[in-house]
Amino acid sequence: MSDSNTTNITNPSTFILLGIPGLEVAHVWISIPFCIMYIIAVLGNFTILLIVKTEPSLHGPMYYFLCMLAVTDLVLSTSTLPKMLSIFWFNSREIDFSACLTQMYFIHCFLAMESGILVAMAFDRYVAICHPLRHSTILTNRVVAIIGLAVVLRGGMLVLPYPFLARRWPYCRTNIIPHSYCEHMAVVNLACADSRVSNYYGLFLAFFLSSLDGCFIAVSYTQILRAVFSLPTKDARLKTFGTCISHLCVMLASCIPALFSFLTHRFGHNVALHFHILIANMYLLVPPMLNPIIYGVRTKQIRDRLLRLFTYKGI
């Protein structure tokens, strides 16, 4: 297939991913921090899953949600990083059309799931701090399973139109995607038909999920902070306040770059392309790396279990 900007192919069998346009000479150097973040994300999230699985005392709502988040982060980072690194290291830019749409679906589906899981975790912390005596009766295993299923179905169903709409458009302009992965609008912008339906639906979904989930999280943490400031001791207030702030920082680290990328594709034509692509990569790489640290290592029960594991192994 031609790599030119003027292919006459209506239904391309492959797309060409450029990586980070304008920074091709630095691809190998850029790949180093990307690879480190990916390794940390994989090791951290697998460690969380292993510890929760092997420690019966951690079989509770908070840790079930944490495991859901770990699985989501693993799928999200693994769906993008291997191909991205193959571009940076081996100049392997081609990706099959169906594989591109599959990658697009997985990225946006699991981003939506991650947002829903963060809402569930915020609700769990609200119940645990504001209604501690009712926590076990409100968040039973059955309720946790229903919430998990709802999060999966919501993400899967809302993002399903993305690949179906993208598949119907003809691609007769070019098969070159100026991106390091198959981002929804990066693909749709190549269509030589009126793709406003995809554009408007993507914009609606981005604002709908971010505003809805952001509202639920904001309400939960507002109630949590009110309860925190009513605690009798300063140490207890500082500890709980620090945990809330770290959780909110992780959420912002995911939401702000994601919204920036979505809006830049549609309105930010003056933003440098390489800067846009770097930010788009950050919201897929940074949260999976930070989540096991913030939600895992900072959690006393997991930290203690991890220390016992290392001590048992003689490390």
C-alpha atoms as a PDB file:
ATOM      1  CA  MET A   1       0.000   0.000   0.000  1.00  0.00           C
ATOM      2  CA  SER A   2       1.201   3.443  -0.817  1.00  0.00           C
ATOM      3  CA  ASP A   3       2.288   5.697   2.011  1.00  0.00           C
ATOM      4  CA  SER A   4       1.512   8.834   0.039  1.00  0.00           C
ATOM      5  CA  ASN A   5      -0.898  11.478   1.214  1.00  0.00           C
ATOM      6  CA  THR A   6      -3.155  10.986  -1.788  1.00  0.00           C
ATOM      7  CA  THR A   7      -4.080   7.336  -1.913  1.00  0.00           C
ATOM      8  CA  ASN A   8      -7.129   6.449  -3.971  1.00  0.00           C
ATOM      9  CA  ILE A   9      -8.133   3.532  -1.782  1.00  0.00           C
ATOM     10  CA  THR A  10     -11.767   3.628  -0.673  1.00  0.00           C
ATOM     11  CA  ASN A  11     -11.525   0.805   1.853  1.00  0.00           C
ATOM     12  CA  PRO A  12      -7.887   0.548   3.000  1.00  0.00           C
ATOM     13  CA  SER A  13      -6.672  -2.800   4.243  1.00  0.00           C
ATOM     14  CA  THR A  14      -4.102  -1.074   6.455  1.00  0.00           C
ATOM     15  CA  PHE A  15      -3.433   2.285   8.035  1.00  0.00           C
ATOM     16  CA  ILE A  16      -0.014   3.865   8.582  1.00  0.00           C
ATOM     17  CA  LEU A  17       0.679   5.216  12.082  1.00  0.00           C
ATOM     18  CA  LEU A  18       3.281   7.988  12.109  1.00  0.00           C
ATOM     19  CA  GLY A  19       4.077   7.833  15.829  1.00  0.00           C
ATOM     20  CA  ILE A  20       4.725  11.405  16.978  1.00  0.00           C
ATOM     21  CA  PRO A  21       4.926  13.569  13.824  1.00  0.00           C
ATOM     22  CA  GLY A  22       7.731  16.095  13.956  1.00  0.00           C
ATOM     23  CA  LEU A  23       9.680  14.157  16.585  1.00  0.00           C
ATOM     24  CA  GLU A  24      10.650  11.130  14.507  1.00  0.00           C
ATOM     25  CA  VAL A  25      14.364  11.613  15.218  1.00  0.00           C
ATOM     26  CA  ALA A  26      13.634  11.439  18.952  1.00  0.00           C
ATOM     27  CA  HIS A  27      11.397   8.354  18.821  1.00  0.00           C
ATOM     28  CA  VAL A  28      13.997   6.084  20.426  1.00  0.00           C
ATOM     29  CA  TRP A  29      14.596   8.530  23.274  1.00  0.00           C
ATOM     30  CA  ILE A  30      10.855   9.102  23.785  1.00  0.00           C
ATOM     31  CA  SER A  31      10.343   5.343  23.940  1.00  0.00           C
ATOM     32  CA  ILE A  32      12.561   5.039  27.042  1.00  0.00           C
ATOM     33  CA  PRO A  33      10.242   6.853  29.524  1.00  0.00           C
ATOM     34  CA  PHE A  34       7.223   5.299  27.781  1.00  0.00           C
ATOM     35  CA  CYS A  35       8.685   1.821  28.258  1.00  0.00           C
ATOM     36  CA  ILE A  36       9.555   2.538  31.913  1.00  0.00           C
ATOM     37  CA  MET A  37       6.020   3.758  32.608  1.00  0.00           C
ATOM     38  CA  TYR A  38       4.585   0.656  30.944  1.00  0.00           C
ATOM     39  CA  ILE A  39       6.804  -1.689  32.990  1.00  0.00           C
ATOM     40  CA  ILE A  40       5.823   0.089  36.217  1.00  0.00           C
ATOM     41  CA  ALA A  41       2.143  -0.099  35.242  1.00  0.00           C
ATOM     42  CA  VAL A  42       2.295  -3.823  34.445  1.00  0.00           C
ATOM     43  CA  LEU A  43       4.301  -4.772  37.546  1.00  0.00           C
ATOM     44  CA  GLY A  44       2.288  -2.509  39.848  1.00  0.00           C
ATOM     45  CA  ASN A  45      -1.134  -3.647  38.671  1.00  0.00           C
ATOM     46  CA  PHE A  46      -0.209  -7.337  38.615  1.00  0.00           C
ATOM     47  CA  THR A  47       1.149  -6.936  42.164  1.00  0.00           C
ATOM     48  CA  ILE A  48      -2.159  -5.427  43.299  1.00  0.00           C
ATOM     49  CA  LEU A  49      -4.089  -8.325  41.759  1.00  0.00           C
ATOM     50  CA  LEU A  50      -1.768 -10.918  43.308  1.00  0.00           C
ATOM     51  CA  ILE A  51      -1.900  -9.400  46.799  1.00  0.00           C
ATOM     52  CA  VAL A  52      -5.687  -9.040  46.828  1.00  0.00           C
ATOM     53  CA  LYS A  53      -6.127 -12.590  45.514  1.00  0.00           C
ATOM     54  CA  THR A  54      -3.833 -14.164  48.119  1.00  0.00           C
ATOM     55  CA  GLU A  55      -4.938 -12.119  51.135  1.00  0.00           C
ATOM     56  CA  PRO A  56      -8.459 -13.052  52.365  1.00  0.00           C
ATOM     57  CA  SER A  57      -8.628  -9.975  54.613  1.00  0.00           C
ATOM     58  CA  LEU A  58      -8.582  -7.799  51.483  1.00  0.00           C
ATOM     59  CA  HIS A  59     -11.659  -9.439  49.959  1.00  0.00           C
ATOM     60  CA  GLY A  60     -13.887  -6.391  50.339  1.00  0.00           C
ATOM     61  CA  PRO A  61     -15.568  -3.731  48.161  1.00  0.00           C
ATOM     62  CA  MET A  62     -12.655  -1.286  48.134  1.00  0.00           C
ATOM     63  CA  TYR A  63     -10.196  -3.933  46.956  1.00  0.00           C
ATOM     64  CA  TYR A  64     -12.607  -5.444  44.441  1.00  0.00           C
ATOM     65  CA  PHE A  65     -12.922  -2.013  42.828  1.00  0.00           C
ATOM     66  CA  LEU A  66      -9.140  -1.658  43.005  1.00  0.00           C
ATOM     67  CA  CYS A  67      -8.762  -4.968  41.144  1.00  0.00           C
ATOM     68  CA  MET A  68     -11.221  -3.782  38.478  1.00  0.00           C
ATOM     69  CA  LEU A  69      -9.137  -0.638  38.088  1.00  0.00           C
ATOM     70  CA  ALA A  70      -5.938  -2.702  37.824  1.00  0.00           C
ATOM     71  CA  VAL A  71      -7.401  -4.916  35.078  1.00  0.00           C
ATOM     72  CA  THR A  72      -8.667  -1.851  33.225  1.00  0.00           C
ATOM     73  CA  ASP A  73      -5.249  -0.203  33.415  1.00  0.00           C
ATOM     74  CA  LEU A  74      -3.509  -3.346  32.182  1.00  0.00           C
ATOM     75  CA  VAL A  75      -5.809  -3.664  29.162  1.00  0.00           C
ATOM     76  CA  LEU A  76      -5.639   0.069  28.422  1.00  0.00           C
ATOM     77  CA  SER A  77      -1.846   0.283  28.455  1.00  0.00           C
ATOM     78  CA  THR A  78      -1.306  -3.067  26.703  1.00  0.00           C
ATOM     79  CA  SER A  79      -3.686  -2.151  23.876  1.00  0.00           C
ATOM     80  CA  THR A  80      -1.474   0.805  22.913  1.00  0.00           C
ATOM     81  CA  LEU A  81       2.110   0.487  24.195  1.00  0.00           C
ATOM     82  CA  PRO A  82       3.353  -2.627  22.315  1.00  0.00           C
ATOM     83  CA  LYS A  83       2.358  -1.174  18.939  1.00  0.00           C
ATOM     84  CA  MET A  84       3.670   2.241  19.929  1.00  0.00           C
ATOM     85  CA  LEU A  85       7.059   0.793  20.879  1.00  0.00           C
ATOM     86  CA  SER A  86       7.214  -1.190  17.627  1.00  0.00           C
ATOM     87  CA  ILE A  87       6.813   2.123  15.783  1.00  0.00           C
ATOM     88  CA  PHE A  88       9.528   3.807  17.845  1.00  0.00           C
ATOM     89  CA  TRP A  89      12.001   0.911  17.768  1.00  0.00           C
ATOM     90  CA  PHE A  90      11.409  -0.950  14.494  1.00  0.00           C
ATOM     91  CA  ASN A  91       9.567   1.624  12.369  1.00  0.00           C
ATOM     92  CA  SER A  92       6.683  -0.880  12.129  1.00  0.00           C
ATOM     93  CA  ARG A  93       3.989   1.617  11.199  1.00  0.00           C
ATOM     94  CA  GLU A  94       1.372  -0.489   9.436  1.00  0.00           C
ATOM     95  CA  ILE A  95      -1.733  -1.617  11.284  1.00  0.00           C
ATOM     96  CA  ASP A  96      -4.578  -3.655   9.814  1.00  0.00           C
ATOM     97  CA  PHE A  97      -7.837  -1.765   9.309  1.00  0.00           C
ATOM     98  CA  SER A  98      -9.818  -4.123  11.556  1.00  0.00           C
ATOM     99  CA  ALA A  99      -7.025  -4.157  14.149  1.00  0.00           C
ATOM    100  CA  CYS A 100      -7.071  -0.350  14.137  1.00  0.00           C
ATOM    101  CA  LEU A 101     -10.815  -0.243  14.815  1.00  0.00           C
ATOM    102  CA  THR A 102     -10.400  -2.896  17.520  1.00  0.00           C
ATOM    103  CA  GLN A 103      -7.658  -0.871  19.183  1.00  0.00           C
ATOM    104  CA  MET A 104      -9.855   2.240  18.961  1.00  0.00           C
ATOM    105  CA  TYR A 105     -12.722   0.399  20.646  1.00  0.00           C
ATOM    106  CA  PHE A 106     -10.574  -1.019  23.443  1.00  0.00           C
ATOM    107  CA  ILE A 107      -8.955   2.351  24.204  1.00  0.00           C
ATOM    108  CA  HIS A 108     -12.180   4.321  24.487  1.00  0.00           C
ATOM    109  CA  CYS A 109     -14.181   1.483  26.047  1.00  0.00           C
ATOM    110  CA  PHE A 110     -11.688   0.982  28.855  1.00  0.00           C
ATOM    111  CA  LEU A 111     -11.257   4.724  29.355  1.00  0.00           C
ATOM    112  CA  ALA A 112     -15.021   4.878  29.941  1.00  0.00           C
ATOM    113  CA  MET A 113     -14.801   1.875  32.284  1.00  0.00           C
ATOM    114  CA  GLU A 114     -11.947   3.459  34.233  1.00  0.00           C
ATOM    115  CA  SER A 115     -14.006   6.614  34.729  1.00  0.00           C
ATOM    116  CA  GLY A 116     -16.919   4.525  36.020  1.00  0.00           C
ATOM    117  CA  ILE A 117     -14.670   2.567  38.382  1.00  0.00           C
ATOM    118  CA  LEU A 118     -13.299   5.827  39.828  1.00  0.00           C
ATOM    119  CA  VAL A 119     -16.906   6.860  40.533  1.00  0.00           C
ATOM    120  CA  ALA A 120     -17.534   3.516  42.257  1.00  0.00           C
ATOM    121  CA  MET A 121     -14.361   3.924  44.341  1.00  0.00           C
ATOM    122  CA  ALA A 122     -15.375   7.457  45.337  1.00  0.00           C
ATOM    123  CA  PHE A 123     -18.792   6.146  46.395  1.00  0.00           C
ATOM    124  CA  ASP A 124     -17.132   3.352  48.398  1.00  0.00           C
ATOM    125  CA  ARG A 125     -14.914   5.885  50.216  1.00  0.00           C
ATOM    126  CA  TYR A 126     -17.960   8.094  50.875  1.00  0.00           C
ATOM    127  CA  VAL A 127     -19.883   5.229  52.489  1.00  0.00           C
ATOM    128  CA  ALA A 128     -16.809   4.031  54.430  1.00  0.00           C
ATOM    129  CA  ILE A 129     -16.035   7.487  55.876  1.00  0.00           C
ATOM    130  CA  CYS A 130     -19.480   9.050  56.208  1.00  0.00           C
ATOM    131  CA  HIS A 131     -21.507   5.921  57.077  1.00  0.00           C
ATOM    132  CA  PRO A 132     -18.951   3.416  58.420  1.00  0.00           C
ATOM    133  CA  LEU A 133     -21.472   1.349  60.393  1.00  0.00           C
ATOM    134  CA  ARG A 134     -23.595   0.757  57.285  1.00  0.00           C
ATOM    135  CA  HIS A 135     -20.731   0.092  54.867  1.00  0.00           C
ATOM    136  CA  SER A 136     -20.977  -3.714  54.957  1.00  0.00           C
ATOM    137  CA  THR A 137     -24.760  -3.670  54.523  1.00  0.00           C
ATOM    138  CA  ILE A 138     -24.779  -1.100  51.686  1.00  0.00           C
ATOM    139  CA  LEU A 139     -21.854  -2.444  49.646  1.00  0.00           C
ATOM    140  CA  THR A 140     -22.453  -6.177  49.733  1.00  0.00           C
ATOM    141  CA  ASN A 141     -20.725  -8.519  47.276  1.00  0.00           C
ATOM    142  CA  ARG A 142     -23.914  -8.601  45.210  1.00  0.00           C
ATOM    143  CA  VAL A 143     -24.048  -4.789  44.994  1.00  0.00           C
ATOM    144  CA  VAL A 144     -20.340  -4.629  44.077  1.00  0.00           C
ATOM    145  CA  ALA A 145     -20.928  -7.205  41.302  1.00  0.00           C
ATOM    146  CA  ILE A 146     -23.902  -5.212  39.976  1.00  0.00           C
ATOM    147  CA  ILE A 147     -21.859  -1.982  39.989  1.00  0.00           C
ATOM    148  CA  GLY A 148     -18.995  -3.733  38.194  1.00  0.00           C
ATOM    149  CA  LEU A 149     -21.335  -5.169  35.564  1.00  0.00           C
ATOM    150  CA  ALA A 150     -22.992  -1.770  35.076  1.00  0.00           C
ATOM    151  CA  VAL A 151     -19.589  -0.115  34.585  1.00  0.00           C
ATOM    152  CA  VAL A 152     -18.574  -2.730  31.980  1.00  0.00           C
ATOM    153  CA  LEU A 153     -21.891  -2.548  30.103  1.00  0.00           C
ATOM    154  CA  ARG A 154     -21.918   1.249  30.160  1.00  0.00           C
ATOM    155  CA  GLY A 155     -18.423   1.493  28.704  1.00  0.00           C
ATOM    156  CA  GLY A 156     -18.982  -1.281  26.175  1.00  0.00           C
ATOM    157  CA  MET A 157     -22.337  -0.035  24.885  1.00  0.00           C
ATOM    158  CA  LEU A 158     -21.606   3.704  24.782  1.00  0.00           C
ATOM    159  CA  VAL A 159     -18.371   3.252  22.812  1.00  0.00           C
ATOM    160  CA  LEU A 160     -19.782   0.587  20.450  1.00  0.00           C
ATOM    161  CA  PRO A 161     -20.874   3.166  17.814  1.00  0.00           C
ATOM    162  CA  TYR A 162     -17.260   4.348  17.408  1.00  0.00           C
ATOM    163  CA  PRO A 163     -15.946   1.403  15.336  1.00  0.00           C
ATOM    164  CA  PHE A 164     -19.271   0.793  13.579  1.00  0.00           C
ATOM    165  CA  LEU A 165     -19.502   4.395  12.378  1.00  0.00           C
ATOM    166  CA  ALA A 166     -15.796   4.484  11.488  1.00  0.00           C
ATOM    167  CA  ARG A 167     -16.177   1.319   9.394  1.00  0.00           C
ATOM    168  CA  ARG A 168     -18.949   2.800   7.259  1.00  0.00           C
ATOM    169  CA  TRP A 169     -16.961   5.857   6.114  1.00  0.00           C
ATOM    170  CA  PRO A 170     -14.972   5.672   2.851  1.00  0.00           C
ATOM    171  CA  TYR A 171     -11.267   6.491   3.210  1.00  0.00           C
ATOM    172  CA  CYS A 172     -10.148   7.781  -0.183  1.00  0.00           C
ATOM    173  CA  ARG A 173      -7.880  10.662   0.878  1.00  0.00           C
ATOM    174  CA  THR A 174      -5.098   8.921   2.728  1.00  0.00           C
ATOM    175  CA  ASN A 175      -4.353   5.935   4.899  1.00  0.00           C
ATOM    176  CA  ILE A 176      -1.827   7.818   7.046  1.00  0.00           C
ATOM    177  CA  ILE A 177      -2.828   8.490  10.663  1.00  0.00           C
ATOM    178  CA  PRO A 178      -0.726  11.296  12.220  1.00  0.00           C
ATOM    179  CA  HIS A 179      -0.832   9.618  15.618  1.00  0.00           C
ATOM    180  CA  SER A 180       0.868   6.862  17.610  1.00  0.00           C
ATOM    181  CA  TYR A 181      -2.337   4.819  18.018  1.00  0.00           C
ATOM    182  CA  CYS A 182      -5.803   4.611  16.476  1.00  0.00           C
ATOM    183  CA  GLU A 183      -7.490   7.449  18.312  1.00  0.00           C
ATOM    184  CA  HIS A 184     -11.134   7.853  17.306  1.00  0.00           C
ATOM    185  CA  MET A 185     -11.036  11.305  15.710  1.00  0.00           C
ATOM    186  CA  ALA A 186      -7.570  10.751  14.225  1.00  0.00           C
ATOM    187  CA  VAL A 187      -9.143   7.930  12.182  1.00  0.00           C
ATOM    188  CA  VAL A 188     -12.476   9.605  11.435  1.00  0.00           C
ATOM    189  CA  ASN A 189     -10.759  12.771  10.184  1.00  0.00           C
ATOM    190  CA  LEU A 190      -9.312  10.701   7.320  1.00  0.00           C
ATOM    191  CA  ALA A 191     -12.778   9.892   5.961  1.00  0.00           C
ATOM    192  CA  CYS A 192     -13.782  11.545   2.694  1.00  0.00           C
ATOM    193  CA  ALA A 193     -17.468  11.571   3.641  1.00  0.00           C
ATOM    194  CA  ASP A 194     -19.551  13.709   5.992  1.00  0.00           C
ATOM    195  CA  SER A 195     -18.479  12.225   9.331  1.00  0.00           C
ATOM    196  CA  ARG A 196     -20.151  14.809  11.556  1.00  0.00           C
ATOM    197  CA  VAL A 197     -22.194  12.064  13.229  1.00  0.00           C
ATOM    198  CA  SER A 198     -18.985  10.495  14.591  1.00  0.00           C
ATOM    199  CA  ASN A 199     -17.635  13.916  15.527  1.00  0.00           C
ATOM    200  CA  TYR A 200     -20.746  15.018  17.406  1.00  0.00           C
ATOM    201  CA  TYR A 201     -21.251  11.660  19.100  1.00  0.00           C
ATOM    202  CA  GLY A 202     -17.628  11.577  20.285  1.00  0.00           C
ATOM    203  CA  LEU A 203     -17.933  15.131  21.611  1.00  0.00           C
ATOM    204  CA  PHE A 204     -21.216  14.329  23.351  1.00  0.00           C
ATOM    205  CA  LEU A 205     -19.802  11.174  24.909  1.00  0.00           C
ATOM    206  CA  ALA A 206     -16.667  12.941  26.162  1.00  0.00           C
ATOM    207  CA  PHE A 207     -18.647  15.699  27.856  1.00  0.00           C
ATOM    208  CA  PHE A 208     -21.416  13.391  29.054  1.00  0.00           C
ATOM    209  CA  LEU A 209     -19.073  10.959  30.779  1.00  0.00           C
ATOM    210  CA  SER A 210     -16.698  13.591  32.154  1.00  0.00           C
ATOM    211  CA  SER A 211     -19.487  15.818  33.483  1.00  0.00           C
ATOM    212  CA  LEU A 212     -21.623  12.971  34.857  1.00  0.00           C
ATOM    213  CA  ASP A 213     -18.766  11.080  36.485  1.00  0.00           C
ATOM    214  CA  GLY A 214     -17.062  14.293  37.585  1.00  0.00           C
ATOM    215  CA  CYS A 215     -20.278  15.434  39.265  1.00  0.00           C
ATOM    216  CA  PHE A 216     -20.665  12.138  41.172  1.00  0.00           C
ATOM    217  CA  ILE A 217     -17.009  12.187  42.234  1.00  0.00           C
ATOM    218  CA  ALA A 218     -17.185  15.847  43.280  1.00  0.00           C
ATOM    219  CA  VAL A 219     -20.305  15.223  45.393  1.00  0.00           C
ATOM    220  CA  SER A 220     -18.741  12.150  47.027  1.00  0.00           C
ATOM    221  CA  TYR A 221     -15.501  13.895  47.910  1.00  0.00           C
ATOM    222  CA  THR A 222     -17.292  17.037  49.088  1.00  0.00           C
ATOM    223  CA  GLN A 223     -19.200  14.913  51.583  1.00  0.00           C
ATOM    224  CA  ILE A 224     -15.990  13.077  52.492  1.00  0.00           C
ATOM    225  CA  LEU A 225     -14.121  16.341  53.139  1.00  0.00           C
ATOM    226  CA  ARG A 226     -16.998  17.634  55.276  1.00  0.00           C
ATOM    227  CA  ALA A 227     -16.759  14.478  57.363  1.00  0.00           C
ATOM    228  CA  VAL A 228     -12.956  14.761  57.482  1.00  0.00           C
ATOM    229  CA  PHE A 229     -12.983  18.268  58.903  1.00  0.00           C
ATOM    230  CA  SER A 230     -15.350  17.127  61.636  1.00  0.00           C
ATOM    231  CA  LEU A 231     -12.911  14.461  62.873  1.00  0.00           C
ATOM    232  CA  PRO A 232     -11.721  15.052  66.443  1.00  0.00           C
ATOM    233  CA  THR A 233      -7.948  14.745  65.931  1.00  0.00           C
ATOM    234  CA  LYS A 234      -5.661  16.690  63.618  1.00  0.00           C
ATOM    235  CA  ASP A 235      -3.690  13.584  62.583  1.00  0.00           C
ATOM    236  CA  ALA A 236      -6.839  11.779  61.450  1.00  0.00           C
ATOM    237  CA  ARG A 237      -7.921  14.839  59.462  1.00  0.00           C
ATOM    238  CA  LEU A 238      -4.544  15.199  57.755  1.00  0.00           C
ATOM    239  CA  LYS A 239      -4.304  11.490  56.916  1.00  0.00           C
ATOM    240  CA  THR A 240      -7.765  11.281  55.366  1.00  0.00           C
ATOM    241  CA  PHE A 241      -7.376  14.659  53.643  1.00  0.00           C
ATOM    242  CA  GLY A 242      -4.047  13.543  52.118  1.00  0.00           C
ATOM    243  CA  THR A 243      -5.634  10.366  50.790  1.00  0.00           C
ATOM    244  CA  CYS A 244      -8.508  12.305  49.216  1.00  0.00           C
ATOM    245  CA  ILE A 245      -6.162  14.808  47.580  1.00  0.00           C
ATOM    246  CA  SER A 246      -3.964  12.049  46.103  1.00  0.00           C
ATOM    247  CA  HIS A 247      -7.040  10.307  44.679  1.00  0.00           C
ATOM    248  CA  LEU A 248      -8.303  13.544  43.147  1.00  0.00           C
ATOM    249  CA  CYS A 249      -4.881  14.237  41.597  1.00  0.00           C
ATOM    250  CA  VAL A 250      -4.935  10.838  39.864  1.00  0.00           C
ATOM    251  CA  MET A 251      -8.400  11.542  38.496  1.00  0.00           C
ATOM    252  CA  LEU A 252      -7.346  14.963  37.211  1.00  0.00           C
ATOM    253  CA  ALA A 253      -4.199  13.442  35.657  1.00  0.00           C
ATOM    254  CA  SER A 254      -6.496  11.249  33.573  1.00  0.00           C
ATOM    255  CA  CYS A 255      -9.430  13.578  32.851  1.00  0.00           C
ATOM    256  CA  ILE A 256      -7.654  16.826  31.935  1.00  0.00           C
ATOM    257  CA  PRO A 257      -5.320  15.375  29.235  1.00  0.00           C
ATOM    258  CA  ALA A 258      -8.199  13.275  27.852  1.00  0.00           C
ATOM    259  CA  LEU A 259     -10.469  16.316  27.471  1.00  0.00           C
ATOM    260  CA  PHE A 260      -7.561  18.324  26.031  1.00  0.00           C
ATOM    261  CA  SER A 261      -7.003  15.645  23.370  1.00  0.00           C
ATOM    262  CA  PHE A 262     -10.705  15.329  22.494  1.00  0.00           C
ATOM    263  CA  LEU A 263     -11.129  19.097  22.143  1.00  0.00           C
ATOM    264  CA  THR A 264      -7.863  19.636  20.265  1.00  0.00           C
ATOM    265  CA  HIS A 265      -8.936  17.187  17.543  1.00  0.00           C
ATOM    266  CA  ARG A 266     -12.012  19.332  16.938  1.00  0.00           C
ATOM    267  CA  PHE A 267     -11.068  22.906  17.793  1.00  0.00           C
ATOM    268  CA  GLY A 268      -7.338  23.137  18.529  1.00  0.00           C
ATOM    269  CA  HIS A 269      -6.005  23.483  15.001  1.00  0.00           C
ATOM    270  CA  ASN A 270      -3.306  25.898  16.168  1.00  0.00           C
ATOM    271  CA  VAL A 271      -1.892  23.456  18.731  1.00  0.00           C
ATOM    272  CA  ALA A 272       1.416  21.890  17.631  1.00  0.00           C
ATOM    273  CA  LEU A 273       0.726  18.340  16.466  1.00  0.00           C
ATOM    274  CA  HIS A 274       3.629  16.754  18.356  1.00  0.00           C
ATOM    275  CA  PHE A 275       2.492  18.441  21.595  1.00  0.00           C
ATOM    276  CA  HIS A 276      -1.055  17.193  21.078  1.00  0.00           C
ATOM    277  CA  ILE A 277       0.117  13.612  20.444  1.00  0.00           C
ATOM    278  CA  LEU A 278       2.392  13.649  23.509  1.00  0.00           C
ATOM    279  CA  ILE A 279      -0.503  14.769  25.717  1.00  0.00           C
ATOM    280  CA  ALA A 280      -2.758  12.116  24.148  1.00  0.00           C
ATOM    281  CA  ASN A 281      -0.156   9.493  25.050  1.00  0.00           C
ATOM    282  CA  MET A 282       0.129  10.790  28.616  1.00  0.00           C
ATOM    283  CA  TYR A 283      -3.494  10.128  29.523  1.00  0.00           C
ATOM    284  CA  LEU A 284      -3.061   6.506  28.454  1.00  0.00           C
ATOM    285  CA  LEU A 285       0.305   5.997  30.190  1.00  0.00           C
ATOM    286  CA  VAL A 286       0.371   8.071  33.373  1.00  0.00           C
ATOM    287  CA  PRO A 287      -2.831   6.888  35.163  1.00  0.00           C
ATOM    288  CA  PRO A 288      -2.042   3.138  34.766  1.00  0.00           C
ATOM    289  CA  MET A 289       1.381   3.867  36.278  1.00  0.00           C
ATOM    290  CA  LEU A 290       0.097   6.076  39.114  1.00  0.00           C
ATOM    291  CA  ASN A 291      -3.014   4.128  40.093  1.00  0.00           C
ATOM    292  CA  PRO A 292      -1.185   1.162  41.711  1.00  0.00           C
ATOM    293  CA  ILE A 293       1.024   3.620  43.629  1.00  0.00           C
ATOM    294  CA  ILE A 294      -1.724   5.952  44.814  1.00  0.00           C
ATOM    295  CA  TYR A 295      -4.469   3.398  45.398  1.00  0.00           C
ATOM    296  CA  GLY A 296      -2.218   0.480  46.261  1.00  0.00           C
ATOM    297  CA  VAL A 297       1.091   1.334  47.931  1.00  0.00           C
ATOM    298  CA  ARG A 298      -0.489   4.207  49.872  1.00  0.00           C
ATOM    299  CA  THR A 299      -3.136   1.811  51.227  1.00  0.00           C
ATOM    300  CA  LYS A 300      -1.868   0.490  54.553  1.00  0.00           C
ATOM    301  CA  GLN A 301      -3.287  -3.036  54.216  1.00  0.00           C
ATOM    302  CA  ILE A 302      -1.708  -3.574  50.790  1.00  0.00           C
ATOM    303  CA  ARG A 303       1.549  -1.951  51.848  1.00  0.00           C
ATOM    304  CA  ASP A 304       1.797  -4.203  54.908  1.00  0.00           C
ATOM    305  CA  ARG A 305       1.008  -7.301  52.846  1.00  0.00           C
ATOM    306  CA  LEU A 306       3.630  -6.295  50.283  1.00  0.00           C
ATOM    307  CA  LEU A 307       6.249  -5.816  53.003  1.00  0.00           C
ATOM    308  CA  ARG A 308       5.403  -9.224  54.466  1.00  0.00           C
ATOM    309  CA  LEU A 309       5.741 -10.777  51.024  1.00  0.00           C
ATOM    310  CA  PHE A 310       9.189  -9.248  50.515  1.00  0.00           C
ATOM    311  CA  THR A 311      10.249 -10.264  54.033  1.00  0.00           C
ATOM    312  CA  TYR A 312       9.068 -13.839  53.433  1.00  0.00           C
ATOM    313  CA  LYS A 313      11.061 -13.968  50.182  1.00  0.00           C
ATOM    314  CA  GLY A 314      14.139 -12.710  52.021  1.00  0.00           C
ATOM    315  CA  ILE A 315      14.347  -9.459  50.057  1.00  0.00           C
END
